Amino acid sequence: MDHMRLEMRVSVITLAVPDVTAAVRFYRQAFGWEPDFVAEGEVAFYDMGGIVLSLWSGLARELGRELPPPGAVTLAYNTRSPQEVDAVFAQALAAGATVASPARTQEWGGYSGHIADPHGHLWEIAYNPDWPLDEEGRVRPEW
């Protein structure tokens, strides 16, 4: 099997939070950060120059779990197409990853799923049509 070489980057870092409003307040007070986009009670996004920091209350739901463990984090690798999501999934599974949530069309309009590496670290492999990638692979959200 030929292995595709993925670009060495992380597109999104998602922190699972039970209360997005409280999390936004903390980052505002602790770091002086203002989110670039907020869907009250659901998610907040911070554009960090090609990487997005996400504070999200829906991670457990998307993974089909009751609650994420305290301090749960996922890293995301954004792709340029849904087909690339499937190809990355297949390659990772062949290398020993397990499916945490299957790749599928998501309610937010993209296509993604989660894998766990052999140590249990979660990666979302995602295609988001509203977050195009530039030539260097950095996400450029269209808020």
N, C-alpha and C. Protein backbone atom coordinates (compact mmCIF):
# COMPACT_ATOMS: atom_id res chain seq x y z
N MET A 1 0.85 -1.20 0.00
CA MET A 1 0.00 0.00 0.00
C MET A 1 0.88 1.24 0.00
N ASP A 2 0.60 2.15 -0.92
CA ASP A 2 1.32 3.43 -0.93
C ASP A 2 0.78 4.29 0.19
N HIS A 3 1.69 4.94 0.89
CA HIS A 3 1.29 5.84 1.97
C HIS A 3 1.38 7.27 1.49
N MET A 4 0.31 8.03 1.72
CA MET A 4 0.39 9.44 1.39
C MET A 4 1.08 10.13 2.56
N ARG A 5 1.87 11.11 2.28
CA ARG A 5 2.54 11.89 3.32
C ARG A 5 1.68 13.10 3.61
N LEU A 6 1.15 13.16 4.83
CA LEU A 6 0.34 14.30 5.22
C LEU A 6 1.22 15.51 5.50
N GLU A 7 0.67 16.68 5.28
CA GLU A 7 1.38 17.90 5.65
C GLU A 7 1.56 17.89 7.17
N MET A 8 2.70 18.28 7.66
CA MET A 8 2.98 18.28 9.10
C MET A 8 2.39 19.54 9.72
N ARG A 9 1.13 19.40 10.19
CA ARG A 9 0.44 20.54 10.77
C ARG A 9 -0.73 20.06 11.60
N VAL A 10 -1.17 20.93 12.47
CA VAL A 10 -2.41 20.76 13.22
C VAL A 10 -3.30 21.92 12.81
N SER A 11 -4.55 21.63 12.47
CA SER A 11 -5.48 22.67 12.02
C SER A 11 -6.26 23.28 13.17
N VAL A 12 -6.74 22.43 14.07
CA VAL A 12 -7.59 22.89 15.17
C VAL A 12 -7.22 22.14 16.43
N ILE A 13 -7.19 22.86 17.55
CA ILE A 13 -7.07 22.27 18.87
C ILE A 13 -8.40 22.51 19.56
N THR A 14 -9.09 21.44 19.93
CA THR A 14 -10.40 21.56 20.57
C THR A 14 -10.29 21.17 22.02
N LEU A 15 -10.73 22.08 22.89
CA LEU A 15 -10.81 21.81 24.32
C LEU A 15 -12.27 21.52 24.64
N ALA A 16 -12.54 20.35 25.18
CA ALA A 16 -13.91 20.00 25.58
C ALA A 16 -14.25 20.77 26.85
N VAL A 17 -15.31 21.55 26.79
CA VAL A 17 -15.73 22.34 27.95
C VAL A 17 -17.22 22.13 28.19
N PRO A 18 -17.64 22.04 29.45
CA PRO A 18 -19.07 21.87 29.72
C PRO A 18 -19.85 23.18 29.60
N ASP A 19 -19.16 24.32 29.74
CA ASP A 19 -19.82 25.63 29.75
C ASP A 19 -18.99 26.60 28.91
N VAL A 20 -19.41 26.81 27.67
CA VAL A 20 -18.66 27.66 26.74
C VAL A 20 -18.59 29.10 27.24
N THR A 21 -19.69 29.61 27.78
CA THR A 21 -19.71 30.99 28.27
C THR A 21 -18.68 31.19 29.37
N ALA A 22 -18.61 30.26 30.30
CA ALA A 22 -17.62 30.35 31.38
C ALA A 22 -16.21 30.21 30.85
N ALA A 23 -16.02 29.35 29.85
CA ALA A 23 -14.69 29.17 29.27
C ALA A 23 -14.24 30.44 28.56
N VAL A 24 -15.14 31.07 27.79
CA VAL A 24 -14.81 32.32 27.11
C VAL A 24 -14.45 33.39 28.14
N ARG A 25 -15.22 33.46 29.20
CA ARG A 25 -14.94 34.43 30.27
C ARG A 25 -13.55 34.19 30.86
N PHE A 26 -13.20 32.92 31.11
CA PHE A 26 -11.88 32.61 31.65
C PHE A 26 -10.78 33.08 30.70
N TYR A 27 -10.86 32.74 29.41
CA TYR A 27 -9.80 33.12 28.48
C TYR A 27 -9.73 34.63 28.27
N ARG A 28 -10.85 35.28 28.39
CA ARG A 28 -10.87 36.75 28.31
C ARG A 28 -10.14 37.34 29.53
N GLN A 29 -10.47 36.86 30.72
CA GLN A 29 -9.88 37.41 31.94
C GLN A 29 -8.43 36.96 32.15
N ALA A 30 -8.15 35.70 31.85
CA ALA A 30 -6.80 35.17 32.10
C ALA A 30 -5.79 35.61 31.05
N PHE A 31 -6.20 35.64 29.77
CA PHE A 31 -5.26 35.91 28.69
C PHE A 31 -5.57 37.16 27.88
N GLY A 32 -6.76 37.74 28.08
CA GLY A 32 -7.16 38.89 27.29
C GLY A 32 -7.58 38.54 25.88
N TRP A 33 -7.92 37.27 25.64
CA TRP A 33 -8.30 36.81 24.31
C TRP A 33 -9.78 37.00 24.06
N GLU A 34 -10.11 37.51 22.88
CA GLU A 34 -11.50 37.64 22.44
C GLU A 34 -11.74 36.64 21.32
N PRO A 35 -12.80 35.88 21.40
CA PRO A 35 -13.07 34.91 20.33
C PRO A 35 -13.42 35.61 19.02
N ASP A 36 -13.10 34.96 17.92
CA ASP A 36 -13.45 35.47 16.60
C ASP A 36 -14.87 35.08 16.21
N PHE A 37 -15.37 34.01 16.83
CA PHE A 37 -16.73 33.54 16.55
C PHE A 37 -17.25 32.82 17.78
N VAL A 38 -18.51 33.10 18.14
CA VAL A 38 -19.14 32.42 19.27
C VAL A 38 -20.56 32.04 18.87
N ALA A 39 -20.91 30.78 19.10
CA ALA A 39 -22.30 30.33 19.04
C ALA A 39 -22.64 30.04 20.49
N GLU A 40 -23.32 30.96 21.13
CA GLU A 40 -23.58 30.95 22.57
C GLU A 40 -23.99 29.57 23.06
N GLY A 41 -23.29 29.11 24.07
CA GLY A 41 -23.60 27.83 24.69
C GLY A 41 -23.09 26.63 23.93
N GLU A 42 -22.55 26.82 22.74
CA GLU A 42 -22.15 25.68 21.90
C GLU A 42 -20.65 25.65 21.63
N VAL A 43 -20.12 26.75 21.05
CA VAL A 43 -18.73 26.74 20.63
C VAL A 43 -18.19 28.16 20.54
N ALA A 44 -16.89 28.29 20.76
CA ALA A 44 -16.18 29.55 20.53
C ALA A 44 -14.90 29.21 19.78
N PHE A 45 -14.56 30.06 18.79
CA PHE A 45 -13.35 29.84 17.99
C PHE A 45 -12.43 31.05 18.12
N TYR A 46 -11.14 30.76 18.21
CA TYR A 46 -10.10 31.78 18.26
C TYR A 46 -9.14 31.50 17.11
N ASP A 47 -9.01 32.46 16.19
CA ASP A 47 -8.06 32.33 15.09
C ASP A 47 -6.68 32.64 15.65
N MET A 48 -5.80 31.65 15.60
CA MET A 48 -4.47 31.80 16.18
C MET A 48 -3.40 31.79 15.08
N GLY A 49 -3.73 32.44 13.97
CA GLY A 49 -2.74 32.58 12.90
C GLY A 49 -2.51 31.31 12.11
N GLY A 50 -3.56 30.66 11.67
CA GLY A 50 -3.43 29.44 10.87
C GLY A 50 -3.83 28.18 11.62
N ILE A 51 -3.96 28.29 12.93
CA ILE A 51 -4.49 27.22 13.77
C ILE A 51 -5.67 27.83 14.51
N VAL A 52 -6.72 27.05 14.69
CA VAL A 52 -7.89 27.54 15.42
C VAL A 52 -7.95 26.84 16.77
N LEU A 53 -8.17 27.62 17.83
CA LEU A 53 -8.46 27.07 19.15
C LEU A 53 -9.98 27.07 19.28
N SER A 54 -10.53 25.91 19.62
CA SER A 54 -11.96 25.74 19.75
C SER A 54 -12.30 25.36 21.19
N LEU A 55 -13.28 26.05 21.76
CA LEU A 55 -13.86 25.67 23.06
C LEU A 55 -15.24 25.14 22.72
N TRP A 56 -15.46 23.84 22.94
CA TRP A 56 -16.67 23.21 22.42
C TRP A 56 -17.36 22.35 23.45
N SER A 57 -18.66 22.54 23.57
CA SER A 57 -19.46 21.75 24.52
C SER A 57 -20.01 20.48 23.89
N GLY A 58 -19.83 20.28 22.59
CA GLY A 58 -20.45 19.15 21.90
C GLY A 58 -19.56 17.97 21.61
N LEU A 59 -18.34 17.94 22.15
CA LEU A 59 -17.43 16.85 21.81
C LEU A 59 -17.97 15.49 22.23
N ALA A 60 -18.48 15.39 23.44
CA ALA A 60 -19.00 14.09 23.90
C ALA A 60 -20.13 13.61 23.00
N ARG A 61 -21.01 14.51 22.62
CA ARG A 61 -22.14 14.15 21.75
C ARG A 61 -21.63 13.63 20.40
N GLU A 62 -20.65 14.33 19.81
CA GLU A 62 -20.15 13.91 18.51
C GLU A 62 -19.45 12.56 18.59
N LEU A 63 -18.81 12.29 19.73
CA LEU A 63 -18.12 11.01 19.91
C LEU A 63 -19.07 9.90 20.36
N GLY A 64 -20.32 10.27 20.69
CA GLY A 64 -21.28 9.28 21.16
C GLY A 64 -21.00 8.81 22.57
N ARG A 65 -20.49 9.71 23.40
CA ARG A 65 -20.15 9.38 24.79
C ARG A 65 -20.96 10.25 25.73
N GLU A 66 -21.07 9.79 26.98
CA GLU A 66 -21.78 10.57 28.00
C GLU A 66 -21.08 11.91 28.24
N LEU A 67 -19.88 11.87 28.72
CA LEU A 67 -19.10 13.06 29.01
C LEU A 67 -17.65 12.82 28.59
N PRO A 68 -16.97 13.84 28.10
CA PRO A 68 -15.55 13.65 27.85
C PRO A 68 -14.82 13.67 29.19
N PRO A 69 -13.69 13.02 29.27
CA PRO A 69 -12.94 13.07 30.53
C PRO A 69 -12.47 14.50 30.80
N PRO A 70 -12.26 14.86 32.08
CA PRO A 70 -11.76 16.21 32.38
C PRO A 70 -10.46 16.45 31.62
N GLY A 71 -10.37 17.64 31.05
CA GLY A 71 -9.17 18.00 30.30
C GLY A 71 -9.10 17.40 28.91
N ALA A 72 -10.21 16.87 28.40
CA ALA A 72 -10.20 16.24 27.07
C ALA A 72 -9.81 17.25 26.00
N VAL A 73 -8.96 16.80 25.11
CA VAL A 73 -8.47 17.62 24.00
C VAL A 73 -8.49 16.77 22.74
N THR A 74 -8.88 17.35 21.64
CA THR A 74 -8.69 16.70 20.35
C THR A 74 -7.86 17.62 19.47
N LEU A 75 -7.07 17.02 18.64
CA LEU A 75 -6.33 17.73 17.62
C LEU A 75 -7.03 17.44 16.30
N ALA A 76 -7.05 18.40 15.42
CA ALA A 76 -7.70 18.17 14.13
C ALA A 76 -6.73 18.38 12.99
N TYR A 77 -6.89 17.52 12.00
CA TYR A 77 -6.18 17.66 10.74
C TYR A 77 -7.24 17.92 9.69
N ASN A 78 -7.27 19.14 9.17
CA ASN A 78 -8.25 19.49 8.14
C ASN A 78 -7.70 19.13 6.77
N THR A 79 -8.61 18.66 5.92
CA THR A 79 -8.25 18.22 4.58
C THR A 79 -8.90 19.14 3.55
N ARG A 80 -8.59 18.89 2.32
CA ARG A 80 -9.14 19.71 1.24
C ARG A 80 -10.38 19.10 0.58
N SER A 81 -10.77 17.88 1.04
CA SER A 81 -11.95 17.24 0.45
C SER A 81 -12.45 16.13 1.37
N PRO A 82 -13.72 15.75 1.24
CA PRO A 82 -14.22 14.59 1.99
C PRO A 82 -13.46 13.30 1.61
N GLN A 83 -13.08 13.16 0.35
CA GLN A 83 -12.36 11.97 -0.08
C GLN A 83 -11.01 11.86 0.64
N GLU A 84 -10.39 13.01 0.89
CA GLU A 84 -9.11 13.00 1.61
C GLU A 84 -9.32 12.57 3.05
N VAL A 85 -10.45 12.94 3.66
CA VAL A 85 -10.77 12.46 5.02
C VAL A 85 -10.77 10.93 5.02
N ASP A 86 -11.47 10.34 4.07
CA ASP A 86 -11.55 8.88 4.00
C ASP A 86 -10.19 8.24 3.78
N ALA A 87 -9.36 8.85 2.95
CA ALA A 87 -8.03 8.31 2.68
C ALA A 87 -7.14 8.38 3.93
N VAL A 88 -7.21 9.50 4.66
CA VAL A 88 -6.41 9.63 5.89
C VAL A 88 -6.90 8.62 6.92
N PHE A 89 -8.22 8.47 7.04
CA PHE A 89 -8.80 7.47 7.96
C PHE A 89 -8.24 6.09 7.65
N ALA A 90 -8.32 5.69 6.38
CA ALA A 90 -7.88 4.35 5.99
C ALA A 90 -6.40 4.13 6.30
N GLN A 91 -5.59 5.13 6.01
CA GLN A 91 -4.16 5.01 6.26
C GLN A 91 -3.88 4.91 7.76
N ALA A 92 -4.56 5.73 8.57
CA ALA A 92 -4.35 5.70 10.02
C ALA A 92 -4.81 4.37 10.62
N LEU A 93 -5.94 3.86 10.15
CA LEU A 93 -6.43 2.58 10.66
C LEU A 93 -5.46 1.45 10.31
N ALA A 94 -4.91 1.49 9.12
CA ALA A 94 -3.94 0.48 8.71
C ALA A 94 -2.67 0.54 9.57
N ALA A 95 -2.38 1.72 10.10
CA ALA A 95 -1.19 1.90 10.94
C ALA A 95 -1.45 1.61 12.41
N GLY A 96 -2.71 1.27 12.77
CA GLY A 96 -2.99 0.91 14.16
C GLY A 96 -3.93 1.82 14.91
N ALA A 97 -4.47 2.84 14.26
CA ALA A 97 -5.46 3.71 14.93
C ALA A 97 -6.77 2.94 15.07
N THR A 98 -7.63 3.43 15.94
CA THR A 98 -8.98 2.89 16.07
C THR A 98 -9.98 4.01 15.81
N VAL A 99 -11.18 3.63 15.41
CA VAL A 99 -12.22 4.61 15.13
C VAL A 99 -12.87 5.03 16.44
N ALA A 100 -12.84 6.33 16.73
CA ALA A 100 -13.55 6.87 17.90
C ALA A 100 -14.95 7.32 17.49
N SER A 101 -15.08 7.87 16.29
CA SER A 101 -16.38 8.17 15.68
C SER A 101 -16.17 8.11 14.17
N PRO A 102 -17.04 7.40 13.46
CA PRO A 102 -16.82 7.22 12.02
C PRO A 102 -16.95 8.54 11.25
N ALA A 103 -16.24 8.63 10.15
CA ALA A 103 -16.34 9.80 9.28
C ALA A 103 -17.74 9.84 8.68
N ARG A 104 -18.35 11.01 8.73
CA ARG A 104 -19.72 11.18 8.22
C ARG A 104 -19.99 12.66 8.00
N THR A 105 -21.07 12.95 7.28
CA THR A 105 -21.49 14.32 7.11
C THR A 105 -21.99 14.83 8.45
N GLN A 106 -21.52 16.01 8.85
CA GLN A 106 -21.83 16.56 10.16
C GLN A 106 -22.91 17.63 10.06
N GLU A 107 -23.60 17.87 11.17
CA GLU A 107 -24.67 18.87 11.20
C GLU A 107 -24.17 20.28 10.90
N TRP A 108 -22.88 20.53 11.09
CA TRP A 108 -22.33 21.86 10.81
C TRP A 108 -21.95 22.02 9.34
N GLY A 109 -22.17 20.99 8.52
CA GLY A 109 -21.99 21.14 7.09
C GLY A 109 -20.73 20.53 6.51
N GLY A 110 -19.86 20.03 7.34
CA GLY A 110 -18.64 19.41 6.84
C GLY A 110 -18.72 17.91 6.92
N TYR A 111 -17.57 17.28 6.78
CA TYR A 111 -17.45 15.83 6.80
C TYR A 111 -16.26 15.50 7.69
N SER A 112 -16.48 14.73 8.74
CA SER A 112 -15.37 14.43 9.64
C SER A 112 -15.68 13.21 10.50
N GLY A 113 -14.64 12.74 11.14
CA GLY A 113 -14.73 11.68 12.12
C GLY A 113 -13.50 11.75 13.01
N HIS A 114 -13.47 10.89 14.02
CA HIS A 114 -12.35 10.89 14.97
C HIS A 114 -11.68 9.52 15.00
N ILE A 115 -10.36 9.56 15.08
CA ILE A 115 -9.58 8.35 15.31
C ILE A 115 -8.83 8.52 16.62
N ALA A 116 -8.45 7.40 17.21
CA ALA A 116 -7.58 7.42 18.38
C ALA A 116 -6.28 6.74 17.98
N ASP A 117 -5.17 7.38 18.31
CA ASP A 117 -3.89 6.74 18.03
C ASP A 117 -3.71 5.57 19.01
N PRO A 118 -2.67 4.77 18.87
CA PRO A 118 -2.53 3.61 19.75
C PRO A 118 -2.46 3.93 21.25
N HIS A 119 -2.23 5.19 21.59
CA HIS A 119 -2.18 5.60 23.00
C HIS A 119 -3.46 6.28 23.44
N GLY A 120 -4.45 6.36 22.56
CA GLY A 120 -5.74 6.93 22.91
C GLY A 120 -5.90 8.41 22.62
N HIS A 121 -4.89 9.07 22.06
CA HIS A 121 -5.01 10.49 21.73
C HIS A 121 -5.96 10.66 20.55
N LEU A 122 -6.90 11.58 20.69
CA LEU A 122 -7.93 11.77 19.67
C LEU A 122 -7.52 12.77 18.60
N TRP A 123 -7.77 12.40 17.37
CA TRP A 123 -7.58 13.26 16.21
C TRP A 123 -8.89 13.31 15.45
N GLU A 124 -9.34 14.52 15.13
CA GLU A 124 -10.44 14.68 14.21
C GLU A 124 -9.84 14.86 12.83
N ILE A 125 -10.32 14.10 11.88
CA ILE A 125 -9.92 14.27 10.48
C ILE A 125 -11.13 14.90 9.82
N ALA A 126 -10.96 16.12 9.30
CA ALA A 126 -12.13 16.91 8.91
C ALA A 126 -11.95 17.62 7.58
N TYR A 127 -13.06 17.73 6.89
CA TYR A 127 -13.19 18.64 5.75
C TYR A 127 -14.27 19.64 6.13
N ASN A 128 -13.92 20.92 6.14
CA ASN A 128 -14.88 21.97 6.46
C ASN A 128 -14.92 22.95 5.28
N PRO A 129 -16.02 22.95 4.52
CA PRO A 129 -16.08 23.82 3.35
C PRO A 129 -16.03 25.31 3.69
N ASP A 130 -16.33 25.67 4.94
CA ASP A 130 -16.28 27.07 5.36
C ASP A 130 -14.91 27.47 5.90
N TRP A 131 -13.99 26.53 5.99
CA TRP A 131 -12.65 26.81 6.48
C TRP A 131 -11.63 26.33 5.45
N PRO A 132 -11.48 27.07 4.35
CA PRO A 132 -10.53 26.65 3.32
C PRO A 132 -9.10 26.67 3.87
N LEU A 133 -8.25 25.87 3.25
CA LEU A 133 -6.84 25.83 3.60
C LEU A 133 -6.06 26.65 2.58
N ASP A 134 -5.06 27.40 3.06
CA ASP A 134 -4.22 28.14 2.12
C ASP A 134 -3.17 27.19 1.56
N GLU A 135 -2.25 27.71 0.75
CA GLU A 135 -1.25 26.86 0.10
C GLU A 135 -0.36 26.14 1.10
N GLU A 136 -0.15 26.74 2.28
CA GLU A 136 0.68 26.12 3.31
C GLU A 136 -0.12 25.19 4.22
N GLY A 137 -1.43 25.06 3.97
CA GLY A 137 -2.26 24.16 4.78
C GLY A 137 -2.84 24.80 6.02
N ARG A 138 -2.71 26.12 6.17
CA ARG A 138 -3.28 26.81 7.33
C ARG A 138 -4.77 27.06 7.09
N VAL A 139 -5.57 26.86 8.15
CA VAL A 139 -6.99 27.12 8.00
C VAL A 139 -7.24 28.63 7.93
N ARG A 140 -8.18 28.99 7.10
CA ARG A 140 -8.59 30.37 6.92
C ARG A 140 -10.11 30.43 7.06
N PRO A 141 -10.58 30.42 8.32
CA PRO A 141 -12.05 30.41 8.54
C PRO A 141 -12.75 31.60 7.92
N GLU A 142 -13.91 31.33 7.41
CA GLU A 142 -14.77 32.40 6.88
C GLU A 142 -15.88 32.60 7.90
N TRP A 143 -15.61 33.43 8.90
CA TRP A 143 -16.57 33.62 10.00
C TRP A 143 -17.77 34.23 9.42
